Amino acid sequence: ARTHQVTFQRGQDQVALPIPIIDHKDTWQNTYWFQARIVSLHGAGQLAEPVRATILVLDEDTWPNNIPSSLRNGKGVSLLRYFIQADRRRRGRRWTKTMIAMVFLPVHSLLVSTLVQKILVDHAVARMMNTDPAWG
């Protein structure tokens, strides 16, 4: 929270208060808001309701990941790439861990369900037929 002093001249009923907004060109930002309020009054005058205002900052960025206007109607892989970039920036290292976990299940299913069972069945059948020297 910051405090700013605003001075009204005699007969003046409006004053502009410049508030700097930091623009991040490389990062998509959602629309956000903040509140400003008058907390004290010095000199002659009286505070009227409301003493609080909500300021809404509408961002001109386009989601996902500030996609260029030429690609906004894109389809397929070109659009998917911007979704992935936006999600990676937002989640950071957690995104990488999630992707590894998602790849693990199919790999595990392939190895355990297919290869290990095939090897076990091959050894069992070979033993029954007395052709596997490893099974005695």
N, C-alpha and C. Protein backbone atom coordinates (compact mmCIF):
# COMPACT_ATOMS: atom_id res chain seq x y z
N ALA A 1 0.85 -1.18 0.00
CA ALA A 1 0.00 0.00 0.00
C ALA A 1 0.89 1.24 0.00
N ARG A 2 0.48 2.20 -0.76
CA ARG A 2 1.22 3.46 -0.84
C ARG A 2 0.30 4.61 -0.46
N THR A 3 0.91 5.66 0.00
CA THR A 3 0.16 6.86 0.38
C THR A 3 0.57 8.01 -0.52
N HIS A 4 -0.41 8.71 -1.05
CA HIS A 4 -0.17 9.88 -1.89
C HIS A 4 -0.98 11.04 -1.34
N GLN A 5 -0.43 12.22 -1.46
CA GLN A 5 -1.15 13.41 -1.02
C GLN A 5 -1.68 14.13 -2.25
N VAL A 6 -2.95 14.48 -2.19
CA VAL A 6 -3.61 15.20 -3.28
C VAL A 6 -4.09 16.53 -2.73
N THR A 7 -3.85 17.58 -3.48
CA THR A 7 -4.26 18.92 -3.04
C THR A 7 -5.30 19.48 -4.01
N PHE A 8 -6.45 19.88 -3.47
CA PHE A 8 -7.51 20.52 -4.24
C PHE A 8 -7.35 22.03 -4.11
N GLN A 9 -7.38 22.72 -5.21
CA GLN A 9 -7.36 24.18 -5.19
C GLN A 9 -8.78 24.69 -4.94
N ARG A 10 -8.91 25.91 -4.51
CA ARG A 10 -10.22 26.48 -4.24
C ARG A 10 -11.09 26.41 -5.49
N GLY A 11 -12.28 25.84 -5.34
CA GLY A 11 -13.23 25.71 -6.44
C GLY A 11 -13.03 24.45 -7.28
N GLN A 12 -12.00 23.72 -7.03
CA GLN A 12 -11.71 22.51 -7.80
C GLN A 12 -12.42 21.33 -7.17
N ASP A 13 -13.11 20.50 -8.00
CA ASP A 13 -13.80 19.34 -7.44
C ASP A 13 -13.26 18.01 -7.97
N GLN A 14 -12.23 18.05 -8.82
CA GLN A 14 -11.61 16.83 -9.32
C GLN A 14 -10.10 17.01 -9.37
N VAL A 15 -9.38 15.92 -9.09
CA VAL A 15 -7.92 15.92 -9.20
C VAL A 15 -7.52 14.56 -9.78
N ALA A 16 -6.61 14.58 -10.75
CA ALA A 16 -6.10 13.33 -11.33
C ALA A 16 -4.90 12.87 -10.50
N LEU A 17 -4.91 11.61 -10.18
CA LEU A 17 -3.81 11.01 -9.41
C LEU A 17 -3.15 9.96 -10.31
N PRO A 18 -1.98 10.26 -10.85
CA PRO A 18 -1.33 9.28 -11.72
C PRO A 18 -0.81 8.08 -10.91
N ILE A 19 -1.16 6.89 -11.36
CA ILE A 19 -0.72 5.66 -10.72
C ILE A 19 0.02 4.84 -11.78
N PRO A 20 1.31 4.62 -11.59
CA PRO A 20 2.06 3.87 -12.62
C PRO A 20 1.65 2.39 -12.63
N ILE A 21 1.44 1.88 -13.81
CA ILE A 21 1.11 0.47 -14.02
C ILE A 21 2.29 -0.14 -14.77
N ILE A 22 2.87 -1.19 -14.24
CA ILE A 22 4.01 -1.84 -14.87
C ILE A 22 3.50 -2.85 -15.89
N ASP A 23 3.94 -2.69 -17.13
CA ASP A 23 3.52 -3.58 -18.20
C ASP A 23 4.62 -4.60 -18.45
N HIS A 24 4.26 -5.86 -18.43
CA HIS A 24 5.20 -6.95 -18.72
C HIS A 24 4.88 -7.47 -20.12
N LYS A 25 5.66 -7.07 -21.11
CA LYS A 25 5.37 -7.43 -22.50
C LYS A 25 5.48 -8.92 -22.76
N ASP A 26 6.35 -9.62 -22.04
CA ASP A 26 6.58 -11.03 -22.32
C ASP A 26 5.67 -11.97 -21.54
N THR A 27 4.86 -11.44 -20.65
CA THR A 27 4.04 -12.28 -19.79
C THR A 27 2.59 -11.84 -19.89
N TRP A 28 1.71 -12.82 -20.04
CA TRP A 28 0.29 -12.51 -20.04
C TRP A 28 -0.15 -12.22 -18.63
N GLN A 29 -0.92 -11.16 -18.46
CA GLN A 29 -1.46 -10.80 -17.16
C GLN A 29 -2.97 -10.69 -17.26
N ASN A 30 -3.62 -11.19 -16.26
CA ASN A 30 -5.06 -11.10 -16.20
C ASN A 30 -5.47 -9.67 -15.84
N THR A 31 -6.72 -9.33 -16.08
CA THR A 31 -7.26 -8.07 -15.60
C THR A 31 -7.21 -8.08 -14.08
N TYR A 32 -6.83 -6.97 -13.47
CA TYR A 32 -6.76 -6.93 -12.02
C TYR A 32 -7.34 -5.61 -11.52
N TRP A 33 -7.50 -5.54 -10.21
CA TRP A 33 -8.10 -4.35 -9.61
C TRP A 33 -7.40 -4.02 -8.30
N PHE A 34 -7.57 -2.80 -7.88
CA PHE A 34 -7.11 -2.39 -6.55
C PHE A 34 -8.05 -1.29 -6.06
N GLN A 35 -7.92 -0.98 -4.79
CA GLN A 35 -8.80 0.04 -4.21
C GLN A 35 -7.98 1.25 -3.77
N ALA A 36 -8.60 2.41 -3.91
CA ALA A 36 -8.03 3.65 -3.41
C ALA A 36 -9.05 4.24 -2.44
N ARG A 37 -8.56 4.82 -1.37
CA ARG A 37 -9.50 5.43 -0.42
C ARG A 37 -8.91 6.71 0.16
N ILE A 38 -9.80 7.59 0.53
CA ILE A 38 -9.40 8.84 1.18
C ILE A 38 -9.46 8.58 2.68
N VAL A 39 -8.32 8.79 3.35
CA VAL A 39 -8.28 8.45 4.77
C VAL A 39 -8.30 9.68 5.67
N SER A 40 -7.88 10.82 5.14
CA SER A 40 -7.92 12.02 5.99
C SER A 40 -8.07 13.25 5.13
N LEU A 41 -8.48 14.32 5.78
CA LEU A 41 -8.71 15.58 5.10
C LEU A 41 -8.11 16.68 5.95
N HIS A 42 -7.30 17.53 5.33
CA HIS A 42 -6.70 18.65 6.05
C HIS A 42 -7.31 19.95 5.53
N GLY A 43 -7.58 20.85 6.42
CA GLY A 43 -8.14 22.13 6.03
C GLY A 43 -9.66 22.09 6.00
N ALA A 44 -10.23 23.12 5.39
CA ALA A 44 -11.68 23.21 5.33
C ALA A 44 -12.21 22.23 4.29
N GLY A 45 -13.23 21.54 4.62
CA GLY A 45 -13.82 20.58 3.69
C GLY A 45 -14.44 19.44 4.47
N GLN A 46 -15.11 18.58 3.76
CA GLN A 46 -15.80 17.46 4.39
C GLN A 46 -15.76 16.28 3.43
N LEU A 47 -15.51 15.09 3.97
CA LEU A 47 -15.51 13.88 3.15
C LEU A 47 -16.93 13.44 2.89
N ALA A 48 -17.22 13.15 1.65
CA ALA A 48 -18.54 12.63 1.28
C ALA A 48 -18.40 11.15 0.94
N GLU A 49 -19.49 10.45 0.96
CA GLU A 49 -19.48 9.02 0.60
C GLU A 49 -19.45 8.90 -0.92
N PRO A 50 -18.85 7.93 -1.49
CA PRO A 50 -17.96 6.96 -0.86
C PRO A 50 -16.55 7.52 -0.75
N VAL A 51 -15.83 7.09 0.24
CA VAL A 51 -14.43 7.52 0.41
C VAL A 51 -13.49 6.45 -0.16
N ARG A 52 -14.05 5.45 -0.80
CA ARG A 52 -13.27 4.36 -1.37
C ARG A 52 -13.69 4.17 -2.83
N ALA A 53 -12.72 3.92 -3.70
CA ALA A 53 -13.00 3.65 -5.11
C ALA A 53 -12.27 2.38 -5.52
N THR A 54 -12.89 1.62 -6.39
CA THR A 54 -12.25 0.42 -6.94
C THR A 54 -11.79 0.74 -8.35
N ILE A 55 -10.51 0.52 -8.61
CA ILE A 55 -9.91 0.79 -9.91
C ILE A 55 -9.68 -0.54 -10.61
N LEU A 56 -10.24 -0.70 -11.79
CA LEU A 56 -10.12 -1.92 -12.56
C LEU A 56 -9.15 -1.67 -13.71
N VAL A 57 -8.10 -2.48 -13.80
CA VAL A 57 -7.10 -2.34 -14.86
C VAL A 57 -7.39 -3.43 -15.89
N LEU A 58 -7.89 -3.00 -17.04
CA LEU A 58 -8.18 -3.93 -18.13
C LEU A 58 -6.92 -4.09 -18.96
N ASP A 59 -6.43 -5.30 -19.04
CA ASP A 59 -5.18 -5.54 -19.74
C ASP A 59 -5.45 -5.82 -21.21
N GLU A 60 -4.56 -5.37 -22.07
CA GLU A 60 -4.72 -5.58 -23.50
C GLU A 60 -4.03 -6.85 -23.98
N ASP A 61 -3.40 -7.58 -23.09
CA ASP A 61 -2.73 -8.82 -23.46
C ASP A 61 -3.76 -9.85 -23.89
N THR A 62 -3.36 -10.73 -24.76
CA THR A 62 -4.24 -11.79 -25.22
C THR A 62 -3.71 -13.12 -24.73
N TRP A 63 -4.63 -13.93 -24.24
CA TRP A 63 -4.26 -15.24 -23.73
C TRP A 63 -4.43 -16.24 -24.86
N PRO A 64 -3.58 -17.20 -25.02
CA PRO A 64 -2.47 -17.56 -24.15
C PRO A 64 -1.17 -16.88 -24.56
N ASN A 65 -0.39 -16.50 -23.59
CA ASN A 65 0.99 -16.09 -23.75
C ASN A 65 1.19 -14.96 -24.76
N ASN A 66 0.28 -13.99 -24.76
CA ASN A 66 0.36 -12.85 -25.69
C ASN A 66 0.45 -13.30 -27.14
N ILE A 67 -0.42 -14.19 -27.51
CA ILE A 67 -0.41 -14.74 -28.87
C ILE A 67 -0.57 -13.61 -29.88
N PRO A 68 0.26 -13.57 -30.92
CA PRO A 68 0.15 -12.50 -31.92
C PRO A 68 -1.23 -12.51 -32.59
N SER A 69 -1.70 -11.35 -33.00
CA SER A 69 -3.03 -11.25 -33.60
C SER A 69 -3.14 -12.08 -34.87
N SER A 70 -2.04 -12.27 -35.57
CA SER A 70 -2.08 -13.06 -36.80
C SER A 70 -2.36 -14.54 -36.53
N LEU A 71 -2.14 -15.00 -35.29
CA LEU A 71 -2.34 -16.41 -34.96
C LEU A 71 -3.54 -16.65 -34.04
N ARG A 72 -4.31 -15.60 -33.74
CA ARG A 72 -5.43 -15.76 -32.80
C ARG A 72 -6.49 -16.71 -33.30
N ASN A 73 -6.63 -16.85 -34.59
CA ASN A 73 -7.61 -17.79 -35.13
C ASN A 73 -6.96 -19.10 -35.53
N GLY A 74 -5.76 -19.32 -35.01
CA GLY A 74 -5.01 -20.51 -35.36
C GLY A 74 -5.65 -21.78 -34.83
N LYS A 75 -5.19 -22.89 -35.37
CA LYS A 75 -5.70 -24.19 -34.97
C LYS A 75 -4.52 -25.12 -34.81
N GLY A 76 -4.76 -26.20 -34.11
CA GLY A 76 -3.77 -27.26 -34.03
C GLY A 76 -2.52 -26.92 -33.25
N VAL A 77 -1.39 -27.36 -33.77
CA VAL A 77 -0.12 -27.27 -33.06
C VAL A 77 0.32 -25.83 -32.82
N SER A 78 0.08 -24.93 -33.77
CA SER A 78 0.52 -23.54 -33.58
C SER A 78 -0.17 -22.89 -32.39
N LEU A 79 -1.45 -23.19 -32.19
CA LEU A 79 -2.17 -22.65 -31.05
C LEU A 79 -1.80 -23.38 -29.76
N LEU A 80 -1.64 -24.69 -29.85
CA LEU A 80 -1.27 -25.50 -28.70
C LEU A 80 0.07 -25.06 -28.11
N ARG A 81 1.00 -24.66 -28.97
CA ARG A 81 2.31 -24.21 -28.51
C ARG A 81 2.19 -23.01 -27.56
N TYR A 82 1.30 -22.07 -27.84
CA TYR A 82 1.11 -20.91 -26.97
C TYR A 82 0.46 -21.30 -25.65
N PHE A 83 -0.46 -22.26 -25.67
CA PHE A 83 -1.06 -22.75 -24.43
C PHE A 83 0.00 -23.39 -23.54
N ILE A 84 0.86 -24.19 -24.13
CA ILE A 84 1.92 -24.87 -23.37
C ILE A 84 2.90 -23.85 -22.79
N GLN A 85 3.31 -22.86 -23.59
CA GLN A 85 4.22 -21.83 -23.10
C GLN A 85 3.62 -21.05 -21.94
N ALA A 86 2.35 -20.69 -22.04
CA ALA A 86 1.70 -19.95 -20.97
C ALA A 86 1.64 -20.77 -19.69
N ASP A 87 1.32 -22.06 -19.82
CA ASP A 87 1.23 -22.92 -18.65
C ASP A 87 2.60 -23.16 -18.02
N ARG A 88 3.63 -23.32 -18.84
CA ARG A 88 4.99 -23.52 -18.31
C ARG A 88 5.45 -22.28 -17.53
N ARG A 89 5.18 -21.09 -18.05
CA ARG A 89 5.58 -19.87 -17.34
C ARG A 89 4.83 -19.73 -16.03
N ARG A 90 3.57 -20.09 -16.05
CA ARG A 90 2.74 -19.94 -14.85
C ARG A 90 3.14 -20.93 -13.76
N ARG A 91 3.41 -22.18 -14.12
CA ARG A 91 3.65 -23.23 -13.13
C ARG A 91 5.12 -23.51 -12.86
N GLY A 92 6.02 -23.11 -13.76
CA GLY A 92 7.45 -23.29 -13.53
C GLY A 92 7.86 -24.75 -13.44
N ARG A 93 8.63 -25.06 -12.41
CA ARG A 93 9.17 -26.42 -12.23
C ARG A 93 8.07 -27.46 -12.01
N ARG A 94 6.97 -27.05 -11.42
CA ARG A 94 5.86 -27.99 -11.21
C ARG A 94 5.31 -28.51 -12.54
N TRP A 95 5.36 -27.69 -13.57
CA TRP A 95 4.88 -28.11 -14.88
C TRP A 95 5.72 -29.28 -15.38
N THR A 96 7.05 -29.17 -15.26
CA THR A 96 7.95 -30.24 -15.71
C THR A 96 7.69 -31.53 -14.93
N LYS A 97 7.54 -31.42 -13.62
CA LYS A 97 7.28 -32.61 -12.81
C LYS A 97 5.95 -33.27 -13.20
N THR A 98 4.95 -32.49 -13.49
CA THR A 98 3.65 -33.03 -13.90
C THR A 98 3.78 -33.76 -15.23
N MET A 99 4.52 -33.19 -16.18
CA MET A 99 4.69 -33.84 -17.48
C MET A 99 5.43 -35.17 -17.34
N ILE A 100 6.44 -35.20 -16.48
CA ILE A 100 7.17 -36.46 -16.24
C ILE A 100 6.23 -37.50 -15.64
N ALA A 101 5.42 -37.08 -14.69
CA ALA A 101 4.47 -38.02 -14.06
C ALA A 101 3.45 -38.53 -15.07
N MET A 102 3.02 -37.69 -16.00
CA MET A 102 2.05 -38.12 -17.00
C MET A 102 2.67 -39.11 -17.98
N VAL A 103 3.95 -38.99 -18.26
CA VAL A 103 4.63 -39.91 -19.16
C VAL A 103 4.93 -41.23 -18.46
N PHE A 104 5.11 -41.20 -17.15
CA PHE A 104 5.49 -42.40 -16.40
C PHE A 104 4.44 -43.50 -16.48
N LEU A 105 3.17 -43.15 -16.36
CA LEU A 105 2.12 -44.17 -16.32
C LEU A 105 2.07 -45.01 -17.60
N PRO A 106 2.06 -44.41 -18.79
CA PRO A 106 2.05 -45.27 -19.99
C PRO A 106 3.31 -46.12 -20.12
N VAL A 107 4.47 -45.56 -19.76
CA VAL A 107 5.71 -46.33 -19.83
C VAL A 107 5.66 -47.49 -18.85
N HIS A 108 5.20 -47.21 -17.65
CA HIS A 108 5.08 -48.26 -16.63
C HIS A 108 4.10 -49.34 -17.09
N SER A 109 2.97 -48.93 -17.64
CA SER A 109 1.98 -49.90 -18.11
C SER A 109 2.56 -50.77 -19.21
N LEU A 110 3.32 -50.17 -20.11
CA LEU A 110 3.92 -50.94 -21.19
C LEU A 110 4.93 -51.95 -20.64
N LEU A 111 5.80 -51.49 -19.75
CA LEU A 111 6.84 -52.38 -19.24
C LEU A 111 6.27 -53.48 -18.35
N VAL A 112 5.48 -53.11 -17.38
CA VAL A 112 4.98 -54.09 -16.43
C VAL A 112 3.91 -54.98 -17.05
N SER A 113 2.92 -54.37 -17.66
CA SER A 113 1.79 -55.16 -18.18
C SER A 113 2.17 -56.00 -19.38
N THR A 114 3.06 -55.53 -20.19
CA THR A 114 3.35 -56.25 -21.42
C THR A 114 4.64 -57.06 -21.32
N LEU A 115 5.74 -56.37 -21.13
CA LEU A 115 7.03 -57.06 -21.19
C LEU A 115 7.26 -58.02 -20.03
N VAL A 116 7.02 -57.58 -18.81
CA VAL A 116 7.26 -58.45 -17.66
C VAL A 116 6.34 -59.67 -17.70
N GLN A 117 5.08 -59.46 -18.04
CA GLN A 117 4.17 -60.60 -18.12
C GLN A 117 4.56 -61.54 -19.25
N LYS A 118 5.02 -60.99 -20.37
CA LYS A 118 5.45 -61.83 -21.48
C LYS A 118 6.65 -62.68 -21.08
N ILE A 119 7.60 -62.07 -20.39
CA ILE A 119 8.79 -62.81 -19.94
C ILE A 119 8.38 -63.92 -18.98
N LEU A 120 7.48 -63.62 -18.04
CA LEU A 120 7.03 -64.64 -17.08
C LEU A 120 6.31 -65.79 -17.78
N VAL A 121 5.44 -65.46 -18.72
CA VAL A 121 4.72 -66.50 -19.45
C VAL A 121 5.69 -67.34 -20.27
N ASP A 122 6.66 -66.69 -20.94
CA ASP A 122 7.65 -67.43 -21.73
C ASP A 122 8.43 -68.40 -20.86
N HIS A 123 8.87 -67.96 -19.68
CA HIS A 123 9.62 -68.84 -18.77
C HIS A 123 8.74 -69.98 -18.26
N ALA A 124 7.48 -69.68 -17.93
CA ALA A 124 6.60 -70.73 -17.42
C ALA A 124 6.32 -71.78 -18.49
N VAL A 125 6.06 -71.35 -19.71
CA VAL A 125 5.79 -72.29 -20.80
C VAL A 125 7.05 -73.09 -21.12
N ALA A 126 8.19 -72.43 -21.12
CA ALA A 126 9.45 -73.12 -21.41
C ALA A 126 9.73 -74.18 -20.35
N ARG A 127 9.43 -73.88 -19.11
CA ARG A 127 9.65 -74.86 -18.04
C ARG A 127 8.73 -76.06 -18.21
N MET A 128 7.48 -75.76 -18.56
CA MET A 128 6.53 -76.86 -18.74
C MET A 128 6.95 -77.75 -19.88
N MET A 129 7.63 -77.18 -20.85
CA MET A 129 8.07 -77.96 -21.99
C MET A 129 9.51 -78.47 -21.82
N ASN A 130 10.10 -78.18 -20.65
CA ASN A 130 11.46 -78.59 -20.32
C ASN A 130 12.49 -78.10 -21.33
N THR A 131 12.33 -76.86 -21.80
CA THR A 131 13.29 -76.32 -22.75
C THR A 131 14.06 -75.13 -22.20
N ASP A 132 13.76 -74.70 -20.96
CA ASP A 132 14.42 -73.53 -20.39
C ASP A 132 15.44 -74.00 -19.37
N PRO A 133 16.75 -73.87 -19.67
CA PRO A 133 17.78 -74.34 -18.73
C PRO A 133 17.80 -73.52 -17.44
N ALA A 134 17.30 -72.29 -17.46
CA ALA A 134 17.33 -71.47 -16.26
C ALA A 134 16.34 -71.96 -15.21
N TRP A 135 15.34 -72.76 -15.59
CA TRP A 135 14.32 -73.23 -14.65
C TRP A 135 14.57 -74.65 -14.19
N GLY A 136 15.65 -75.19 -14.50
CA GLY A 136 16.05 -76.46 -13.94
C GLY A 136 15.66 -77.59 -14.74
